[in-house]
Amino acid sequence: MGDRRGYAVGRRPDPEGLALHGLRRRFADVAAFLGDFRSPHAATPGSALAWRSLAGTVRALAETG
């Protein structure tokens, strides 16, 4: 998809820039999850899903190196 978008504006996207964008999005996700869990919340199916998603995101960041 990134290549299509780049060609539409006449430039090829920088692969390193795209990788950094993905990394920034993961860190933004972690920040959002932590903000939710730092505030009062109940144990719900939604909070359980958020916890699993947080764990998966942190795991993916750790594997990125």
C-alpha atoms as a PDB file:
ATOM      1  CA  MET A   1       0.000   0.000   0.000  1.00  0.00           C
ATOM      2  CA  GLY A   2       2.813   2.394   0.802  1.00  0.00           C
ATOM      3  CA  ASP A   3       4.202   2.132  -2.717  1.00  0.00           C
ATOM      4  CA  ARG A   4       0.808   2.923  -4.273  1.00  0.00           C
ATOM      5  CA  ARG A   5       0.450   6.002  -2.113  1.00  0.00           C
ATOM      6  CA  GLY A   6       3.968   7.122  -2.970  1.00  0.00           C
ATOM      7  CA  TYR A   7       3.478   6.704  -6.672  1.00  0.00           C
ATOM      8  CA  ALA A   8       0.246   8.715  -6.524  1.00  0.00           C
ATOM      9  CA  VAL A   9       2.233  11.776  -5.440  1.00  0.00           C
ATOM     10  CA  GLY A  10       5.239  11.021  -7.642  1.00  0.00           C
ATOM     11  CA  ARG A  11       7.635   9.807  -4.942  1.00  0.00           C
ATOM     12  CA  ARG A  12       8.636   6.405  -3.681  1.00  0.00           C
ATOM     13  CA  PRO A  13       8.215   6.156   0.082  1.00  0.00           C
ATOM     14  CA  ASP A  14      11.372   5.763   2.135  1.00  0.00           C
ATOM     15  CA  PRO A  15      11.356   2.226   3.620  1.00  0.00           C
ATOM     16  CA  GLU A  16      13.209   3.412   6.733  1.00  0.00           C
ATOM     17  CA  GLY A  17      10.687   6.192   7.209  1.00  0.00           C
ATOM     18  CA  LEU A  18       7.832   3.718   6.919  1.00  0.00           C
ATOM     19  CA  ALA A  19       9.501   1.453   9.481  1.00  0.00           C
ATOM     20  CA  LEU A  20       9.923   4.375  11.879  1.00  0.00           C
ATOM     21  CA  HIS A  21       6.288   5.337  11.389  1.00  0.00           C
ATOM     22  CA  GLY A  22       5.232   1.814  12.386  1.00  0.00           C
ATOM     23  CA  LEU A  23       7.473   1.998  15.446  1.00  0.00           C
ATOM     24  CA  ARG A  24       5.986   5.361  16.438  1.00  0.00           C
ATOM     25  CA  ARG A  25       2.489   3.935  16.139  1.00  0.00           C
ATOM     26  CA  ARG A  26       3.374   1.040  18.444  1.00  0.00           C
ATOM     27  CA  PHE A  27       4.758   3.420  21.066  1.00  0.00           C
ATOM     28  CA  ALA A  28       1.623   5.559  20.754  1.00  0.00           C
ATOM     29  CA  ASP A  29      -0.485   2.430  21.327  1.00  0.00           C
ATOM     30  CA  VAL A  30       1.527   1.579  24.467  1.00  0.00           C
ATOM     31  CA  ALA A  31       1.064   5.130  25.767  1.00  0.00           C
ATOM     32  CA  ALA A  32      -2.686   4.950  25.183  1.00  0.00           C
ATOM     33  CA  PHE A  33      -3.002   1.577  26.923  1.00  0.00           C
ATOM     34  CA  LEU A  34      -0.956   2.774  29.895  1.00  0.00           C
ATOM     35  CA  GLY A  35      -3.092   5.896  30.171  1.00  0.00           C
ATOM     36  CA  ASP A  36      -6.194   3.717  30.334  1.00  0.00           C
ATOM     37  CA  PHE A  37      -4.735   1.348  32.920  1.00  0.00           C
ATOM     38  CA  ARG A  38      -3.349   4.119  35.128  1.00  0.00           C
ATOM     39  CA  SER A  39      -6.831   5.559  35.585  1.00  0.00           C
ATOM     40  CA  PRO A  40      -9.582   3.810  37.529  1.00  0.00           C
ATOM     41  CA  HIS A  41     -11.078   0.992  35.504  1.00  0.00           C
ATOM     42  CA  ALA A  42     -13.060  -2.187  36.014  1.00  0.00           C
ATOM     43  CA  ALA A  43     -12.161  -5.689  34.945  1.00  0.00           C
ATOM     44  CA  THR A  44     -14.275  -6.127  31.825  1.00  0.00           C
ATOM     45  CA  PRO A  45     -13.935  -8.118  28.626  1.00  0.00           C
ATOM     46  CA  GLY A  46     -12.759  -4.872  27.012  1.00  0.00           C
ATOM     47  CA  SER A  47     -10.057  -4.259  29.604  1.00  0.00           C
ATOM     48  CA  ALA A  48      -8.924  -7.888  29.269  1.00  0.00           C
ATOM     49  CA  LEU A  49      -8.629  -7.406  25.508  1.00  0.00           C
ATOM     50  CA  ALA A  50      -6.724  -4.157  26.044  1.00  0.00           C
ATOM     51  CA  TRP A  51      -4.314  -5.943  28.412  1.00  0.00           C
ATOM     52  CA  ARG A  52      -3.670  -8.695  25.862  1.00  0.00           C
ATOM     53  CA  SER A  53      -3.187  -6.078  23.159  1.00  0.00           C
ATOM     54  CA  LEU A  54      -0.734  -4.163  25.352  1.00  0.00           C
ATOM     55  CA  ALA A  55       1.222  -7.355  26.019  1.00  0.00           C
ATOM     56  CA  GLY A  56       1.313  -8.175  22.309  1.00  0.00           C
ATOM     57  CA  THR A  57       2.466  -4.684  21.394  1.00  0.00           C
ATOM     58  CA  VAL A  58       5.241  -4.736  24.002  1.00  0.00           C
ATOM     59  CA  ARG A  59       6.280  -8.185  22.779  1.00  0.00           C
ATOM     60  CA  ALA A  60       6.423  -6.912  19.179  1.00  0.00           C
ATOM     61  CA  LEU A  61       8.535  -3.941  20.268  1.00  0.00           C
ATOM     62  CA  ALA A  62      10.929  -6.256  22.115  1.00  0.00           C
ATOM     63  CA  GLU A  63      11.289  -8.433  19.022  1.00  0.00           C
ATOM     64  CA  THR A  64      11.991  -5.383  16.862  1.00  0.00           C
ATOM     65  CA  GLY A  65      15.283  -4.985  18.678  1.00  0.00           C
END
